[in-house]
Amino acid sequence: YVQIAGYQYRAALDGASALAAVRA
C-alpha cells in the first residue's frame, strides 16, 4: 500500500532495527 501511494517501502521488524534504519 505504501508503494500504491507512490512511496518507496522500507521494512523493520522490531524497535531496534527501526531506530537503526531511521538513523541511517
PDB file of all heavy atoms in Angstrom:
ATOM      1  N   TYR A   1       0.832  -1.214   0.000  1.00  0.00           N
ATOM      2  CA  TYR A   1       0.000   0.000   0.000  1.00  0.00           C
ATOM      3  C   TYR A   1       0.862   1.257   0.000  1.00  0.00           C
ATOM      4  O   TYR A   1       0.488   2.266  -0.602  1.00  0.00           O
ATOM      5  CB  TYR A   1      -0.974  -0.011   1.185  1.00  0.00           C
ATOM      6  CG  TYR A   1      -1.992  -1.119   1.079  1.00  0.00           C
ATOM      7  CD1 TYR A   1      -2.178  -2.027   2.100  1.00  0.00           C
ATOM      8  CD2 TYR A   1      -2.773  -1.247  -0.063  1.00  0.00           C
ATOM      9  CE1 TYR A   1      -3.110  -3.060   2.002  1.00  0.00           C
ATOM     10  CE2 TYR A   1      -3.712  -2.276  -0.178  1.00  0.00           C
ATOM     11  CZ  TYR A   1      -3.863  -3.165   0.853  1.00  0.00           C
ATOM     12  OH  TYR A   1      -4.786  -4.175   0.737  1.00  0.00           O
ATOM     13  N   VAL A   2       2.017   1.206   0.646  1.00  0.00           N
ATOM     14  CA  VAL A   2       2.964   2.327   0.597  1.00  0.00           C
ATOM     15  C   VAL A   2       3.358   2.592  -0.856  1.00  0.00           C
ATOM     16  O   VAL A   2       3.367   3.738  -1.314  1.00  0.00           O
ATOM     17  CB  VAL A   2       4.214   2.020   1.460  1.00  0.00           C
ATOM     18  CG1 VAL A   2       5.362   2.967   1.136  1.00  0.00           C
ATOM     19  CG2 VAL A   2       3.871   2.057   2.947  1.00  0.00           C
ATOM     20  N   GLN A   3       3.641   1.525  -1.587  1.00  0.00           N
ATOM     21  CA  GLN A   3       4.042   1.674  -2.991  1.00  0.00           C
ATOM     22  C   GLN A   3       2.883   2.160  -3.852  1.00  0.00           C
ATOM     23  O   GLN A   3       3.073   2.994  -4.742  1.00  0.00           O
ATOM     24  CB  GLN A   3       4.621   0.358  -3.498  1.00  0.00           C
ATOM     25  CG  GLN A   3       5.947   0.045  -2.817  1.00  0.00           C
ATOM     26  CD  GLN A   3       6.471  -1.351  -3.110  1.00  0.00           C
ATOM     27  OE1 GLN A   3       5.707  -2.303  -3.218  1.00  0.00           O
ATOM     28  NE2 GLN A   3       7.782  -1.458  -3.218  1.00  0.00           N
ATOM     29  N   ILE A   4       1.670   1.682  -3.575  1.00  0.00           N
ATOM     30  CA  ILE A   4       0.494   2.169  -4.301  1.00  0.00           C
ATOM     31  C   ILE A   4       0.331   3.678  -4.066  1.00  0.00           C
ATOM     32  O   ILE A   4      -0.044   4.418  -4.974  1.00  0.00           O
ATOM     33  CB  ILE A   4      -0.778   1.405  -3.879  1.00  0.00           C
ATOM     34  CG1 ILE A   4      -0.722  -0.033  -4.422  1.00  0.00           C
ATOM     35  CG2 ILE A   4      -2.042   2.121  -4.355  1.00  0.00           C
ATOM     36  CD1 ILE A   4      -1.778  -0.952  -3.839  1.00  0.00           C
ATOM     37  N   ALA A   5       0.647   4.124  -2.851  1.00  0.00           N
ATOM     38  CA  ALA A   5       0.535   5.550  -2.521  1.00  0.00           C
ATOM     39  C   ALA A   5       1.628   6.382  -3.198  1.00  0.00           C
ATOM     40  O   ALA A   5       1.571   7.605  -3.172  1.00  0.00           O
ATOM     41  CB  ALA A   5       0.597   5.745  -1.006  1.00  0.00           C
ATOM     42  N   GLY A   6       2.613   5.718  -3.803  1.00  0.00           N
ATOM     43  CA  GLY A   6       3.646   6.429  -4.550  1.00  0.00           C
ATOM     44  C   GLY A   6       4.962   6.605  -3.813  1.00  0.00           C
ATOM     45  O   GLY A   6       5.790   7.421  -4.213  1.00  0.00           O
ATOM     46  N   TYR A   7       5.183   5.842  -2.761  1.00  0.00           N
ATOM     47  CA  TYR A   7       6.399   5.965  -1.960  1.00  0.00           C
ATOM     48  C   TYR A   7       7.214   4.686  -2.016  1.00  0.00           C
ATOM     49  O   TYR A   7       6.690   3.604  -2.282  1.00  0.00           O
ATOM     50  CB  TYR A   7       6.049   6.278  -0.493  1.00  0.00           C
ATOM     51  CG  TYR A   7       5.438   7.635  -0.334  1.00  0.00           C
ATOM     52  CD1 TYR A   7       4.077   7.830  -0.507  1.00  0.00           C
ATOM     53  CD2 TYR A   7       6.232   8.745  -0.038  1.00  0.00           C
ATOM     54  CE1 TYR A   7       3.515   9.086  -0.390  1.00  0.00           C
ATOM     55  CE2 TYR A   7       5.670   9.997   0.077  1.00  0.00           C
ATOM     56  CZ  TYR A   7       4.317  10.169  -0.101  1.00  0.00           C
ATOM     57  OH  TYR A   7       3.763  11.411   0.002  1.00  0.00           O
ATOM     58  N   GLN A   8       8.496   4.823  -1.733  1.00  0.00           N
ATOM     59  CA  GLN A   8       9.360   3.659  -1.601  1.00  0.00           C
ATOM     60  C   GLN A   8       9.131   3.045  -0.234  1.00  0.00           C
ATOM     61  O   GLN A   8       8.875   3.754   0.730  1.00  0.00           O
ATOM     62  CB  GLN A   8      10.829   4.059  -1.763  1.00  0.00           C
ATOM     63  CG  GLN A   8      11.163   4.587  -3.133  1.00  0.00           C
ATOM     64  CD  GLN A   8      12.577   5.123  -3.224  1.00  0.00           C
ATOM     65  OE1 GLN A   8      13.372   4.997  -2.300  1.00  0.00           O
ATOM     66  NE2 GLN A   8      12.887   5.734  -4.349  1.00  0.00           N
ATOM     67  N   TYR A   9       9.247   1.729  -0.170  1.00  0.00           N
ATOM     68  CA  TYR A   9       8.948   0.978   1.047  1.00  0.00           C
ATOM     69  C   TYR A   9      10.231   0.420   1.645  1.00  0.00           C
ATOM     70  O   TYR A   9      11.053  -0.141   0.948  1.00  0.00           O
ATOM     71  CB  TYR A   9       7.975  -0.141   0.675  1.00  0.00           C
ATOM     72  CG  TYR A   9       7.937  -1.361   1.566  1.00  0.00           C
ATOM     73  CD1 TYR A   9       7.555  -1.273   2.892  1.00  0.00           C
ATOM     74  CD2 TYR A   9       8.258  -2.621   1.057  1.00  0.00           C
ATOM     75  CE1 TYR A   9       7.485  -2.417   3.701  1.00  0.00           C
ATOM     76  CE2 TYR A   9       8.190  -3.760   1.848  1.00  0.00           C
ATOM     77  CZ  TYR A   9       7.806  -3.648   3.163  1.00  0.00           C
ATOM     78  OH  TYR A   9       7.739  -4.770   3.950  1.00  0.00           O
ATOM     79  N   ARG A  10      10.393   0.644   2.948  1.00  0.00           N
ATOM     80  CA  ARG A  10      11.459   0.003   3.721  1.00  0.00           C
ATOM     81  C   ARG A  10      10.810  -0.684   4.904  1.00  0.00           C
ATOM     82  O   ARG A  10       9.799  -0.226   5.413  1.00  0.00           O
ATOM     83  CB  ARG A  10      12.469   1.038   4.248  1.00  0.00           C
ATOM     84  CG  ARG A  10      13.339   1.626   3.159  1.00  0.00           C
ATOM     85  CD  ARG A  10      14.527   2.382   3.735  1.00  0.00           C
ATOM     86  NE  ARG A  10      14.112   3.563   4.477  1.00  0.00           N
ATOM     87  CZ  ARG A  10      14.777   4.058   5.529  1.00  0.00           C
ATOM     88  NH1 ARG A  10      15.852   3.467   5.985  1.00  0.00           N
ATOM     89  NH2 ARG A  10      14.345   5.133   6.137  1.00  0.00           N
ATOM     90  N   ALA A  11      11.410  -1.785   5.343  1.00  0.00           N
ATOM     91  CA  ALA A  11      10.814  -2.574   6.415  1.00  0.00           C
ATOM     92  C   ALA A  11      11.733  -2.680   7.620  1.00  0.00           C
ATOM     93  O   ALA A  11      12.958  -2.725   7.472  1.00  0.00           O
ATOM     94  CB  ALA A  11      10.498  -3.979   5.904  1.00  0.00           C
ATOM     95  N   ALA A  12      11.130  -2.728   8.798  1.00  0.00           N
ATOM     96  CA  ALA A  12      11.825  -3.050  10.043  1.00  0.00           C
ATOM     97  C   ALA A  12      10.897  -3.967  10.821  1.00  0.00           C
ATOM     98  O   ALA A  12       9.680  -3.772  10.830  1.00  0.00           O
ATOM     99  CB  ALA A  12      12.140  -1.791  10.836  1.00  0.00           C
ATOM    100  N   LEU A  13      11.477  -4.977  11.475  1.00  0.00           N
ATOM    101  CA  LEU A  13      10.670  -5.972  12.167  1.00  0.00           C
ATOM    102  C   LEU A  13      10.650  -5.809  13.676  1.00  0.00           C
ATOM    103  O   LEU A  13       9.951  -6.536  14.362  1.00  0.00           O
ATOM    104  CB  LEU A  13      11.150  -7.381  11.800  1.00  0.00           C
ATOM    105  CG  LEU A  13      11.056  -7.724  10.312  1.00  0.00           C
ATOM    106  CD1 LEU A  13      11.672  -9.096  10.040  1.00  0.00           C
ATOM    107  CD2 LEU A  13       9.608  -7.685   9.835  1.00  0.00           C
ATOM    108  N   ASP A  14      11.422  -4.852  14.199  1.00  0.00           N
ATOM    109  CA  ASP A  14      11.425  -4.599  15.642  1.00  0.00           C
ATOM    110  C   ASP A  14      11.874  -3.165  15.895  1.00  0.00           C
ATOM    111  O   ASP A  14      12.289  -2.463  14.981  1.00  0.00           O
ATOM    112  CB  ASP A  14      12.308  -5.613  16.386  1.00  0.00           C
ATOM    113  CG  ASP A  14      13.748  -5.617  15.911  1.00  0.00           C
ATOM    114  OD1 ASP A  14      14.336  -4.525  15.701  1.00  0.00           O
ATOM    115  OD2 ASP A  14      14.305  -6.716  15.747  1.00  0.00           O
ATOM    116  N   GLY A  15      11.788  -2.761  17.155  1.00  0.00           N
ATOM    117  CA  GLY A  15      12.105  -1.385  17.505  1.00  0.00           C
ATOM    118  C   GLY A  15      13.560  -1.020  17.278  1.00  0.00           C
ATOM    119  O   GLY A  15      13.868   0.062  16.768  1.00  0.00           O
ATOM    120  N   ALA A  16      14.487  -1.918  17.647  1.00  0.00           N
ATOM    121  CA  ALA A  16      15.916  -1.618  17.487  1.00  0.00           C
ATOM    122  C   ALA A  16      16.282  -1.431  16.024  1.00  0.00           C
ATOM    123  O   ALA A  16      16.997  -0.483  15.671  1.00  0.00           O
ATOM    124  CB  ALA A  16      16.755  -2.732  18.117  1.00  0.00           C
ATOM    125  N   SER A  17      15.787  -2.305  15.149  1.00  0.00           N
ATOM    126  CA  SER A  17      16.109  -2.152  13.730  1.00  0.00           C
ATOM    127  C   SER A  17      15.405  -0.933  13.140  1.00  0.00           C
ATOM    128  O   SER A  17      15.934  -0.291  12.224  1.00  0.00           O
ATOM    129  CB  SER A  17      15.795  -3.425  12.943  1.00  0.00           C
ATOM    130  OG  SER A  17      14.436  -3.745  13.019  1.00  0.00           O
ATOM    131  N   ALA A  18      14.253  -0.574  13.673  1.00  0.00           N
ATOM    132  CA  ALA A  18      13.566   0.634  13.213  1.00  0.00           C
ATOM    133  C   ALA A  18      14.396   1.876  13.536  1.00  0.00           C
ATOM    134  O   ALA A  18      14.606   2.732  12.677  1.00  0.00           O
ATOM    135  CB  ALA A  18      12.195   0.743  13.856  1.00  0.00           C
ATOM    136  N   LEU A  19      14.876   1.962  14.770  1.00  0.00           N
ATOM    137  CA  LEU A  19      15.694   3.116  15.163  1.00  0.00           C
ATOM    138  C   LEU A  19      16.967   3.179  14.338  1.00  0.00           C
ATOM    139  O   LEU A  19      17.381   4.264  13.900  1.00  0.00           O
ATOM    140  CB  LEU A  19      15.991   3.056  16.661  1.00  0.00           C
ATOM    141  CG  LEU A  19      14.764   3.245  17.566  1.00  0.00           C
ATOM    142  CD1 LEU A  19      15.115   2.915  19.012  1.00  0.00           C
ATOM    143  CD2 LEU A  19      14.187   4.648  17.445  1.00  0.00           C
ATOM    144  N   ALA A  20      17.596   2.034  14.089  1.00  0.00           N
ATOM    145  CA  ALA A  20      18.812   1.996  13.267  1.00  0.00           C
ATOM    146  C   ALA A  20      18.511   2.432  11.835  1.00  0.00           C
ATOM    147  O   ALA A  20      19.280   3.191  11.231  1.00  0.00           O
ATOM    148  CB  ALA A  20      19.423   0.599  13.291  1.00  0.00           C
ATOM    149  N   ALA A  21      17.389   1.976  11.288  1.00  0.00           N
ATOM    150  CA  ALA A  21      17.021   2.334   9.917  1.00  0.00           C
ATOM    151  C   ALA A  21      16.755   3.827   9.791  1.00  0.00           C
ATOM    152  O   ALA A  21      17.131   4.453   8.795  1.00  0.00           O
ATOM    153  CB  ALA A  21      15.788   1.534   9.484  1.00  0.00           C
ATOM    154  N   VAL A  22      16.120   4.407  10.795  1.00  0.00           N
ATOM    155  CA  VAL A  22      15.823   5.841  10.762  1.00  0.00           C
ATOM    156  C   VAL A  22      17.118   6.645  10.866  1.00  0.00           C
ATOM    157  O   VAL A  22      17.283   7.657  10.182  1.00  0.00           O
ATOM    158  CB  VAL A  22      14.829   6.225  11.876  1.00  0.00           C
ATOM    159  CG1 VAL A  22      14.679   7.731  11.987  1.00  0.00           C
ATOM    160  CG2 VAL A  22      13.478   5.580  11.630  1.00  0.00           C
ATOM    161  N   ARG A  23      18.038   6.189  11.713  1.00  0.00           N
ATOM    162  CA  ARG A  23      19.326   6.892  11.831  1.00  0.00           C
ATOM    163  C   ARG A  23      20.128   6.804  10.529  1.00  0.00           C
ATOM    164  O   ARG A  23      20.836   7.736  10.169  1.00  0.00           O
ATOM    165  CB  ARG A  23      20.123   6.329  12.998  1.00  0.00           C
ATOM    166  CG  ARG A  23      19.551   6.728  14.342  1.00  0.00           C
ATOM    167  CD  ARG A  23      20.427   6.265  15.508  1.00  0.00           C
ATOM    168  NE  ARG A  23      19.705   6.416  16.754  1.00  0.00           N
ATOM    169  CZ  ARG A  23      19.165   5.410  17.448  1.00  0.00           C
ATOM    170  NH1 ARG A  23      19.303   4.168  17.031  1.00  0.00           N
ATOM    171  NH2 ARG A  23      18.519   5.646  18.562  1.00  0.00           N
ATOM    172  N   ALA A  24      20.033   5.689   9.822  1.00  0.00           N
ATOM    173  CA  ALA A  24      20.762   5.503   8.567  1.00  0.00           C
ATOM    174  C   ALA A  24      20.192   6.378   7.460  1.00  0.00           C
ATOM    175  O   ALA A  24      20.935   6.933   6.654  1.00  0.00           O
ATOM    176  CB  ALA A  24      20.725   4.036   8.151  1.00  0.00           C
TER     177      ALA A  24
END
